[in-house]
């Protein structure tokens, strides 16, 4: 497998660790709809999750709710492939 340096499309500035667990996302842009998902990986400044909302777009602000805690995050990207929706998020200051 090629290294990160050998993959010009790789744009991550930080390494990520695999993660799992159920999450909920809330967005004022989506009329207070609760978006359910599954955590895929985390880094010190963000996370990736699979979820059920193809309408999440770059720049939208969400509240991540997990294990009784809430944290704000911004959607960086969303991709839909083979019926699976995934998004990458960066944490925002409280």
PDB file of N, CA and C in Angstrom:
ATOM      1  N   UNK A   1       0.846  -1.169   0.000  1.00  0.00           N
ATOM      2  CA  UNK A   1       0.000   0.000   0.000  1.00  0.00           C
ATOM      3  C   UNK A   1       0.891   1.232   0.000  1.00  0.00           C
ATOM      4  N   UNK A   2       0.558   2.262  -0.803  1.00  0.00           N
ATOM      5  CA  UNK A   2       1.385   3.467  -0.846  1.00  0.00           C
ATOM      6  C   UNK A   2       1.299   4.248   0.468  1.00  0.00           C
ATOM      7  N   UNK A   3       2.358   4.952   0.763  1.00  0.00           N
ATOM      8  CA  UNK A   3       2.377   5.789   1.958  1.00  0.00           C
ATOM      9  C   UNK A   3       1.624   7.078   1.689  1.00  0.00           C
ATOM     10  N   UNK A   4       1.360   7.838   2.762  1.00  0.00           N
ATOM     11  CA  UNK A   4       0.661   9.118   2.630  1.00  0.00           C
ATOM     12  C   UNK A   4       1.406  10.046   1.676  1.00  0.00           C
ATOM     13  N   UNK A   5       2.743  10.086   1.766  1.00  0.00           N
ATOM     14  CA  UNK A   5       3.546  10.963   0.912  1.00  0.00           C
ATOM     15  C   UNK A   5       3.434  10.571  -0.559  1.00  0.00           C
ATOM     16  N   UNK A   6       3.153   9.290  -0.819  1.00  0.00           N
ATOM     17  CA  UNK A   6       3.048   8.818  -2.195  1.00  0.00           C
ATOM     18  C   UNK A   6       1.651   9.023  -2.784  1.00  0.00           C
ATOM     19  N   UNK A   7       0.703   9.478  -1.995  1.00  0.00           N
ATOM     20  CA  UNK A   7      -0.673   9.693  -2.452  1.00  0.00           C
ATOM     21  C   UNK A   7      -0.962  11.182  -2.521  1.00  0.00           C
ATOM     22  N   UNK A   8      -0.807  11.796  -3.668  1.00  0.00           N
ATOM     23  CA  UNK A   8      -1.046  13.237  -3.749  1.00  0.00           C
ATOM     24  C   UNK A   8      -2.470  13.641  -3.391  1.00  0.00           C
ATOM     25  N   UNK A   9      -3.458  12.728  -3.525  1.00  0.00           N
ATOM     26  CA  UNK A   9      -4.836  13.068  -3.193  1.00  0.00           C
ATOM     27  C   UNK A   9      -5.068  13.093  -1.686  1.00  0.00           C
ATOM     28  N   UNK A  10      -4.160  12.525  -0.918  1.00  0.00           N
ATOM     29  CA  UNK A  10      -4.293  12.510   0.541  1.00  0.00           C
ATOM     30  C   UNK A  10      -4.039  13.906   1.082  1.00  0.00           C
ATOM     31  N   UNK A  11      -5.046  14.503   1.707  1.00  0.00           N
ATOM     32  CA  UNK A  11      -4.928  15.873   2.188  1.00  0.00           C
ATOM     33  C   UNK A  11      -4.982  15.982   3.701  1.00  0.00           C
ATOM     34  N   UNK A  12      -5.028  14.878   4.403  1.00  0.00           N
ATOM     35  CA  UNK A  12      -5.102  14.936   5.862  1.00  0.00           C
ATOM     36  C   UNK A  12      -3.807  15.469   6.441  1.00  0.00           C
ATOM     37  N   UNK A  13      -3.954  16.412   7.352  1.00  0.00           N
ATOM     38  CA  UNK A  13      -2.788  16.966   8.041  1.00  0.00           C
ATOM     39  C   UNK A  13      -2.481  16.167   9.303  1.00  0.00           C
ATOM     40  N   UNK A  14      -3.443  15.390   9.777  1.00  0.00           N
ATOM     41  CA  UNK A  14      -3.280  14.618  11.005  1.00  0.00           C
ATOM     42  C   UNK A  14      -3.609  13.161  10.747  1.00  0.00           C
ATOM     43  N   UNK A  15      -2.976  12.293  11.497  1.00  0.00           N
ATOM     44  CA  UNK A  15      -3.341  10.885  11.385  1.00  0.00           C
ATOM     45  C   UNK A  15      -4.652  10.672  12.129  1.00  0.00           C
ATOM     46  N   UNK A  16      -5.385   9.673  11.717  1.00  0.00           N
ATOM     47  CA  UNK A  16      -6.663   9.359  12.341  1.00  0.00           C
ATOM     48  C   UNK A  16      -6.608   7.977  12.949  1.00  0.00           C
ATOM     49  N   UNK A  17      -7.431   7.779  13.951  1.00  0.00           N
ATOM     50  CA  UNK A  17      -7.546   6.484  14.619  1.00  0.00           C
ATOM     51  C   UNK A  17      -8.935   5.926  14.371  1.00  0.00           C
ATOM     52  N   UNK A  18      -9.013   4.631  14.153  1.00  0.00           N
ATOM     53  CA  UNK A  18     -10.325   4.007  13.984  1.00  0.00           C
ATOM     54  C   UNK A  18     -11.149   4.235  15.240  1.00  0.00           C
ATOM     55  N   UNK A  19     -12.433   4.412  15.028  1.00  0.00           N
ATOM     56  CA  UNK A  19     -13.349   4.618  16.148  1.00  0.00           C
ATOM     57  C   UNK A  19     -14.694   4.017  15.772  1.00  0.00           C
ATOM     58  N   UNK A  20     -15.501   3.781  16.770  1.00  0.00           N
ATOM     59  CA  UNK A  20     -16.848   3.286  16.514  1.00  0.00           C
ATOM     60  C   UNK A  20     -17.760   3.817  17.601  1.00  0.00           C
ATOM     61  N   UNK A  21     -19.016   3.684  17.371  1.00  0.00           N
ATOM     62  CA  UNK A  21     -20.002   4.139  18.337  1.00  0.00           C
ATOM     63  C   UNK A  21     -21.084   4.931  17.663  1.00  0.00           C
ATOM     64  N   UNK A  22     -22.232   4.896  18.262  1.00  0.00           N
ATOM     65  CA  UNK A  22     -23.400   5.601  17.745  1.00  0.00           C
ATOM     66  C   UNK A  22     -23.280   7.086  18.069  1.00  0.00           C
ATOM     67  N   UNK A  23     -23.611   7.938  17.103  1.00  0.00           N
ATOM     68  CA  UNK A  23     -23.606   9.384  17.316  1.00  0.00           C
ATOM     69  C   UNK A  23     -24.918   9.966  16.816  1.00  0.00           C
ATOM     70  N   UNK A  24     -25.232  11.156  17.289  1.00  0.00           N
ATOM     71  CA  UNK A  24     -26.358  11.932  16.773  1.00  0.00           C
ATOM     72  C   UNK A  24     -25.824  13.299  16.396  1.00  0.00           C
ATOM     73  N   UNK A  25     -26.285  13.803  15.278  1.00  0.00           N
ATOM     74  CA  UNK A  25     -25.925  15.140  14.815  1.00  0.00           C
ATOM     75  C   UNK A  25     -27.199  15.958  14.712  1.00  0.00           C
ATOM     76  N   UNK A  26     -27.115  17.212  15.122  1.00  0.00           N
ATOM     77  CA  UNK A  26     -28.234  18.141  14.979  1.00  0.00           C
ATOM     78  C   UNK A  26     -27.730  19.359  14.228  1.00  0.00           C
ATOM     79  N   UNK A  27     -28.554  19.866  13.325  1.00  0.00           N
ATOM     80  CA  UNK A  27     -28.175  21.041  12.558  1.00  0.00           C
ATOM     81  C   UNK A  27     -29.337  22.013  12.477  1.00  0.00           C
ATOM     82  N   UNK A  28     -29.117  23.281  12.835  1.00  0.00           N
ATOM     83  CA  UNK A  28     -30.190  24.262  12.678  1.00  0.00           C
ATOM     84  C   UNK A  28     -30.592  24.441  11.215  1.00  0.00           C
ATOM     85  N   UNK A  29     -29.682  24.123  10.287  1.00  0.00           N
ATOM     86  CA  UNK A  29     -29.985  24.230   8.856  1.00  0.00           C
ATOM     87  C   UNK A  29     -30.983  23.175   8.388  1.00  0.00           C
ATOM     88  N   UNK A  30     -31.150  22.123   9.176  1.00  0.00           N
ATOM     89  CA  UNK A  30     -32.015  21.019   8.768  1.00  0.00           C
ATOM     90  C   UNK A  30     -33.260  20.921   9.637  1.00  0.00           C
ATOM     91  N   UNK A  31     -33.774  22.060  10.086  1.00  0.00           N
ATOM     92  CA  UNK A  31     -35.023  22.147  10.852  1.00  0.00           C
ATOM     93  C   UNK A  31     -35.008  21.226  12.078  1.00  0.00           C
ATOM     94  N   UNK A  32     -33.902  21.241  12.788  1.00  0.00           N
ATOM     95  CA  UNK A  32     -33.754  20.500  14.047  1.00  0.00           C
ATOM     96  C   UNK A  32     -33.867  18.988  13.879  1.00  0.00           C
ATOM     97  N   UNK A  33     -33.700  18.498  12.689  1.00  0.00           N
ATOM     98  CA  UNK A  33     -33.725  17.059  12.454  1.00  0.00           C
ATOM     99  C   UNK A  33     -32.547  16.402  13.160  1.00  0.00           C
ATOM    100  N   UNK A  34     -32.764  15.254  13.747  1.00  0.00           N
ATOM    101  CA  UNK A  34     -31.681  14.483  14.348  1.00  0.00           C
ATOM    102  C   UNK A  34     -31.141  13.535  13.281  1.00  0.00           C
ATOM    103  N   UNK A  35     -29.850  13.590  13.057  1.00  0.00           N
ATOM    104  CA  UNK A  35     -29.186  12.733  12.073  1.00  0.00           C
ATOM    105  C   UNK A  35     -28.450  11.655  12.851  1.00  0.00           C
ATOM    106  N   UNK A  36     -28.814  10.423  12.621  1.00  0.00           N
ATOM    107  CA  UNK A  36     -28.173   9.308  13.321  1.00  0.00           C
ATOM    108  C   UNK A  36     -27.021   8.784  12.483  1.00  0.00           C
ATOM    109  N   UNK A  37     -25.967   8.355  13.170  1.00  0.00           N
ATOM    110  CA  UNK A  37     -24.820   7.853  12.433  1.00  0.00           C
ATOM    111  C   UNK A  37     -23.911   6.991  13.274  1.00  0.00           C
ATOM    112  N   UNK A  38     -22.831   6.585  12.649  1.00  0.00           N
ATOM    113  CA  UNK A  38     -21.833   5.714  13.253  1.00  0.00           C
ATOM    114  C   UNK A  38     -20.466   6.346  13.045  1.00  0.00           C
ATOM    115  N   UNK A  39     -19.756   6.518  14.128  1.00  0.00           N
ATOM    116  CA  UNK A  39     -18.406   7.071  14.078  1.00  0.00           C
ATOM    117  C   UNK A  39     -17.485   6.100  13.349  1.00  0.00           C
ATOM    118  N   UNK A  40     -16.618   6.600  12.478  1.00  0.00           N
ATOM    119  CA  UNK A  40     -15.689   5.754  11.725  1.00  0.00           C
ATOM    120  C   UNK A  40     -14.242   5.954  12.167  1.00  0.00           C
ATOM    121  N   UNK A  41     -13.822   7.225  12.305  1.00  0.00           N
ATOM    122  CA  UNK A  41     -12.480   7.504  12.807  1.00  0.00           C
ATOM    123  C   UNK A  41     -12.432   8.896  13.419  1.00  0.00           C
ATOM    124  N   UNK A  42     -11.375   9.144  14.189  1.00  0.00           N
ATOM    125  CA  UNK A  42     -11.222  10.425  14.885  1.00  0.00           C
ATOM    126  C   UNK A  42      -9.781  10.894  14.782  1.00  0.00           C
ATOM    127  N   UNK A  43      -9.600  12.204  14.940  1.00  0.00           N
ATOM    128  CA  UNK A  43      -8.282  12.820  15.048  1.00  0.00           C
ATOM    129  C   UNK A  43      -8.409  13.880  16.138  1.00  0.00           C
ATOM    130  N   UNK A  44      -7.325  14.511  16.521  1.00  0.00           N
ATOM    131  CA  UNK A  44      -7.437  15.542  17.558  1.00  0.00           C
ATOM    132  C   UNK A  44      -8.367  16.698  17.179  1.00  0.00           C
ATOM    133  N   UNK A  45      -8.551  16.944  15.880  1.00  0.00           N
ATOM    134  CA  UNK A  45      -9.340  18.104  15.464  1.00  0.00           C
ATOM    135  C   UNK A  45     -10.574  17.771  14.649  1.00  0.00           C
ATOM    136  N   UNK A  46     -10.936  16.506  14.542  1.00  0.00           N
ATOM    137  CA  UNK A  46     -12.111  16.172  13.753  1.00  0.00           C
ATOM    138  C   UNK A  46     -12.471  14.704  13.801  1.00  0.00           C
ATOM    139  N   UNK A  47     -13.434  14.343  12.966  1.00  0.00           N
ATOM    140  CA  UNK A  47     -13.899  12.960  12.917  1.00  0.00           C
ATOM    141  C   UNK A  47     -14.574  12.692  11.577  1.00  0.00           C
ATOM    142  N   UNK A  48     -14.778  11.417  11.286  1.00  0.00           N
ATOM    143  CA  UNK A  48     -15.513  10.979  10.094  1.00  0.00           C
ATOM    144  C   UNK A  48     -16.639  10.087  10.576  1.00  0.00           C
ATOM    145  N   UNK A  49     -17.812  10.219   9.965  1.00  0.00           N
ATOM    146  CA  UNK A  49     -18.960   9.417  10.362  1.00  0.00           C
ATOM    147  C   UNK A  49     -19.788   9.020   9.153  1.00  0.00           C
ATOM    148  N   UNK A  50     -20.366   7.831   9.228  1.00  0.00           N
ATOM    149  CA  UNK A  50     -21.371   7.398   8.265  1.00  0.00           C
ATOM    150  C   UNK A  50     -22.719   7.786   8.868  1.00  0.00           C
ATOM    151  N   UNK A  51     -23.666   8.231   8.036  1.00  0.00           N
ATOM    152  CA  UNK A  51     -24.947   8.703   8.552  1.00  0.00           C
ATOM    153  C   UNK A  51     -26.029   8.583   7.495  1.00  0.00           C
ATOM    154  N   UNK A  52     -27.223   9.065   7.829  1.00  0.00           N
ATOM    155  CA  UNK A  52     -28.379   8.900   6.943  1.00  0.00           C
ATOM    156  C   UNK A  52     -28.873  10.205   6.321  1.00  0.00           C
ATOM    157  N   UNK A  53     -27.963  11.187   6.150  1.00  0.00           N
ATOM    158  CA  UNK A  53     -28.400  12.497   5.631  1.00  0.00           C
ATOM    159  C   UNK A  53     -27.534  12.955   4.455  1.00  0.00           C
ATOM    160  N   UNK A  54     -27.913  12.625   3.223  1.00  0.00           N
ATOM    161  CA  UNK A  54     -27.125  13.058   2.071  1.00  0.00           C
ATOM    162  C   UNK A  54     -27.146  14.571   1.864  1.00  0.00           C
ATOM    163  N   UNK A  55     -28.013  15.286   2.574  1.00  0.00           N
ATOM    164  CA  UNK A  55     -28.120  16.731   2.415  1.00  0.00           C
ATOM    165  C   UNK A  55     -27.097  17.543   3.197  1.00  0.00           C
ATOM    166  N   UNK A  56     -26.258  16.906   4.011  1.00  0.00           N
ATOM    167  CA  UNK A  56     -25.221  17.662   4.724  1.00  0.00           C
ATOM    168  C   UNK A  56     -24.219  18.200   3.711  1.00  0.00           C
ATOM    169  N   UNK A  57     -23.927  19.486   3.814  1.00  0.00           N
ATOM    170  CA  UNK A  57     -23.035  20.127   2.847  1.00  0.00           C
ATOM    171  C   UNK A  57     -21.872  20.801   3.551  1.00  0.00           C
ATOM    172  N   UNK A  58     -20.780  20.962   2.838  1.00  0.00           N
ATOM    173  CA  UNK A  58     -19.599  21.639   3.375  1.00  0.00           C
ATOM    174  C   UNK A  58     -19.974  22.985   3.953  1.00  0.00           C
ATOM    175  N   UNK A  59     -19.433  23.266   5.124  1.00  0.00           N
ATOM    176  CA  UNK A  59     -19.671  24.544   5.771  1.00  0.00           C
ATOM    177  C   UNK A  59     -20.795  24.540   6.789  1.00  0.00           C
ATOM    178  N   UNK A  60     -21.689  23.565   6.726  1.00  0.00           N
ATOM    179  CA  UNK A  60     -22.780  23.516   7.693  1.00  0.00           C
ATOM    180  C   UNK A  60     -22.234  23.234   9.094  1.00  0.00           C
ATOM    181  N   UNK A  61     -22.870  23.830  10.088  1.00  0.00           N
ATOM    182  CA  UNK A  61     -22.504  23.619  11.481  1.00  0.00           C
ATOM    183  C   UNK A  61     -23.460  22.595  12.078  1.00  0.00           C
ATOM    184  N   UNK A  62     -22.920  21.644  12.811  1.00  0.00           N
ATOM    185  CA  UNK A  62     -23.729  20.626  13.487  1.00  0.00           C
ATOM    186  C   UNK A  62     -23.301  20.538  14.944  1.00  0.00           C
ATOM    187  N   UNK A  63     -24.172  19.958  15.740  1.00  0.00           N
ATOM    188  CA  UNK A  63     -23.836  19.590  17.110  1.00  0.00           C
ATOM    189  C   UNK A  63     -23.682  18.085  17.127  1.00  0.00           C
ATOM    190  N   UNK A  64     -22.525  17.611  17.536  1.00  0.00           N
ATOM    191  CA  UNK A  64     -22.264  16.181  17.706  1.00  0.00           C
ATOM    192  C   UNK A  64     -22.673  15.810  19.117  1.00  0.00           C
ATOM    193  N   UNK A  65     -23.540  14.826  19.254  1.00  0.00           N
ATOM    194  CA  UNK A  65     -23.941  14.325  20.562  1.00  0.00           C
ATOM    195  C   UNK A  65     -23.502  12.879  20.657  1.00  0.00           C
ATOM    196  N   UNK A  66     -22.669  12.620  21.677  1.00  0.00           N
ATOM    197  CA  UNK A  66     -22.142  11.273  21.861  1.00  0.00           C
ATOM    198  C   UNK A  66     -21.856  11.062  23.340  1.00  0.00           C
ATOM    199  N   UNK A  67     -22.332   9.954  23.855  1.00  0.00           N
ATOM    200  CA  UNK A  67     -22.092   9.583  25.249  1.00  0.00           C
ATOM    201  C   UNK A  67     -22.457  10.697  26.228  1.00  0.00           C
ATOM    202  N   UNK A  68     -23.569  11.384  25.976  1.00  0.00           N
ATOM    203  CA  UNK A  68     -24.055  12.411  26.882  1.00  0.00           C
ATOM    204  C   UNK A  68     -23.365  13.758  26.777  1.00  0.00           C
ATOM    205  N   UNK A  69     -22.424  13.903  25.861  1.00  0.00           N
ATOM    206  CA  UNK A  69     -21.729  15.183  25.678  1.00  0.00           C
ATOM    207  C   UNK A  69     -22.077  15.750  24.297  1.00  0.00           C
ATOM    208  N   UNK A  70     -22.016  17.083  24.170  1.00  0.00           N
ATOM    209  CA  UNK A  70     -22.294  17.740  22.889  1.00  0.00           C
ATOM    210  C   UNK A  70     -21.125  18.635  22.520  1.00  0.00           C
ATOM    211  N   UNK A  71     -20.813  18.665  21.237  1.00  0.00           N
ATOM    212  CA  UNK A  71     -19.701  19.481  20.736  1.00  0.00           C
ATOM    213  C   UNK A  71     -20.042  19.976  19.341  1.00  0.00           C
ATOM    214  N   UNK A  72     -19.694  21.234  19.047  1.00  0.00           N
ATOM    215  CA  UNK A  72     -19.954  21.800  17.713  1.00  0.00           C
ATOM    216  C   UNK A  72     -18.883  21.353  16.728  1.00  0.00           C
ATOM    217  N   UNK A  73     -19.318  21.172  15.479  1.00  0.00           N
ATOM    218  CA  UNK A  73     -18.398  20.790  14.410  1.00  0.00           C
ATOM    219  C   UNK A  73     -18.898  21.377  13.092  1.00  0.00           C
ATOM    220  N   UNK A  74     -17.987  21.499  12.145  1.00  0.00           N
ATOM    221  CA  UNK A  74     -18.323  21.983  10.799  1.00  0.00           C
ATOM    222  C   UNK A  74     -18.131  20.838   9.815  1.00  0.00           C
ATOM    223  N   UNK A  75     -19.076  20.702   8.877  1.00  0.00           N
ATOM    224  CA  UNK A  75     -18.952  19.695   7.822  1.00  0.00           C
ATOM    225  C   UNK A  75     -17.862  20.156   6.856  1.00  0.00           C
ATOM    226  N   UNK A  76     -16.880  19.300   6.606  1.00  0.00           N
ATOM    227  CA  UNK A  76     -15.800  19.615   5.668  1.00  0.00           C
ATOM    228  C   UNK A  76     -16.119  19.026   4.295  1.00  0.00           C
ATOM    229  N   UNK A  77     -16.623  17.814   4.277  1.00  0.00           N
ATOM    230  CA  UNK A  77     -16.972  17.155   3.013  1.00  0.00           C
ATOM    231  C   UNK A  77     -18.052  16.107   3.267  1.00  0.00           C
ATOM    232  N   UNK A  78     -18.787  15.769   2.226  1.00  0.00           N
ATOM    233  CA  UNK A  78     -19.745  14.660   2.254  1.00  0.00           C
ATOM    234  C   UNK A  78     -19.602  13.906   0.950  1.00  0.00           C
ATOM    235  N   UNK A  79     -19.592  12.593   1.054  1.00  0.00           N
ATOM    236  CA  UNK A  79     -19.558  11.768  -0.168  1.00  0.00           C
ATOM    237  C   UNK A  79     -20.598  10.669  -0.037  1.00  0.00           C
ATOM    238  N   UNK A  80     -21.146  10.307  -1.187  1.00  0.00           N
ATOM    239  CA  UNK A  80     -22.148   9.256  -1.258  1.00  0.00           C
ATOM    240  C   UNK A  80     -21.630   8.244  -2.270  1.00  0.00           C
ATOM    241  N   UNK A  81     -21.447   7.014  -1.810  1.00  0.00           N
ATOM    242  CA  UNK A  81     -20.951   5.959  -2.687  1.00  0.00           C
ATOM    243  C   UNK A  81     -21.624   4.650  -2.306  1.00  0.00           C
ATOM    244  N   UNK A  82     -22.176   3.979  -3.286  1.00  0.00           N
ATOM    245  CA  UNK A  82     -22.831   2.684  -3.087  1.00  0.00           C
ATOM    246  C   UNK A  82     -23.879   2.757  -1.977  1.00  0.00           C
ATOM    247  N   UNK A  83     -24.618   3.865  -1.932  1.00  0.00           N
ATOM    248  CA  UNK A  83     -25.689   4.004  -0.960  1.00  0.00           C
ATOM    249  C   UNK A  83     -25.245   4.381   0.443  1.00  0.00           C
ATOM    250  N   UNK A  84     -23.945   4.537   0.670  1.00  0.00           N
ATOM    251  CA  UNK A  84     -23.417   4.923   1.975  1.00  0.00           C
ATOM    252  C   UNK A  84     -23.078   6.407   1.961  1.00  0.00           C
ATOM    253  N   UNK A  85     -23.546   7.132   2.972  1.00  0.00           N
ATOM    254  CA  UNK A  85     -23.246   8.556   3.104  1.00  0.00           C
ATOM    255  C   UNK A  85     -22.221   8.718   4.217  1.00  0.00           C
ATOM    256  N   UNK A  86     -21.110   9.377   3.926  1.00  0.00           N
ATOM    257  CA  UNK A  86     -20.088   9.672   4.915  1.00  0.00           C
ATOM    258  C   UNK A  86     -19.736  11.145   4.844  1.00  0.00           C
ATOM    259  N   UNK A  87     -19.376  11.710   5.990  1.00  0.00           N
ATOM    260  CA  UNK A  87     -18.926  13.094   6.044  1.00  0.00           C
ATOM    261  C   UNK A  87     -17.717  13.198   6.951  1.00  0.00           C
ATOM    262  N   UNK A  88     -16.876  14.172   6.641  1.00  0.00           N
ATOM    263  CA  UNK A  88     -15.758  14.510   7.501  1.00  0.00           C
ATOM    264  C   UNK A  88     -16.068  15.837   8.189  1.00  0.00           C
ATOM    265  N   UNK A  89     -15.706  15.950   9.442  1.00  0.00           N
ATOM    266  CA  UNK A  89     -16.037  17.112  10.263  1.00  0.00           C
ATOM    267  C   UNK A  89     -14.799  17.631  10.970  1.00  0.00           C
ATOM    268  N   UNK A  90     -14.750  18.938  11.220  1.00  0.00           N
ATOM    269  CA  UNK A  90     -13.713  19.503  12.091  1.00  0.00           C
ATOM    270  C   UNK A  90     -14.420  20.110  13.292  1.00  0.00           C
ATOM    271  N   UNK A  91     -13.821  19.895  14.455  1.00  0.00           N
ATOM    272  CA  UNK A  91     -14.388  20.443  15.696  1.00  0.00           C
ATOM    273  C   UNK A  91     -14.249  21.956  15.707  1.00  0.00           C
ATOM    274  N   UNK A  92     -15.211  22.635  16.318  1.00  0.00           N
ATOM    275  CA  UNK A  92     -15.177  24.079  16.495  1.00  0.00           C
ATOM    276  C   UNK A  92     -15.015  24.385  17.981  1.00  0.00           C
ATOM    277  N   UNK A  93     -14.443  25.535  18.261  1.00  0.00           N
ATOM    278  CA  UNK A  93     -14.294  25.957  19.659  1.00  0.00           C
ATOM    279  C   UNK A  93     -15.687  26.117  20.273  1.00  0.00           C
ATOM    280  N   UNK A  94     -15.774  25.858  21.546  1.00  0.00           N
ATOM    281  CA  UNK A  94     -17.073  25.909  22.250  1.00  0.00           C
ATOM    282  C   UNK A  94     -17.685  27.259  22.281  1.00  0.00           C
TER     283      UNK A  94
END
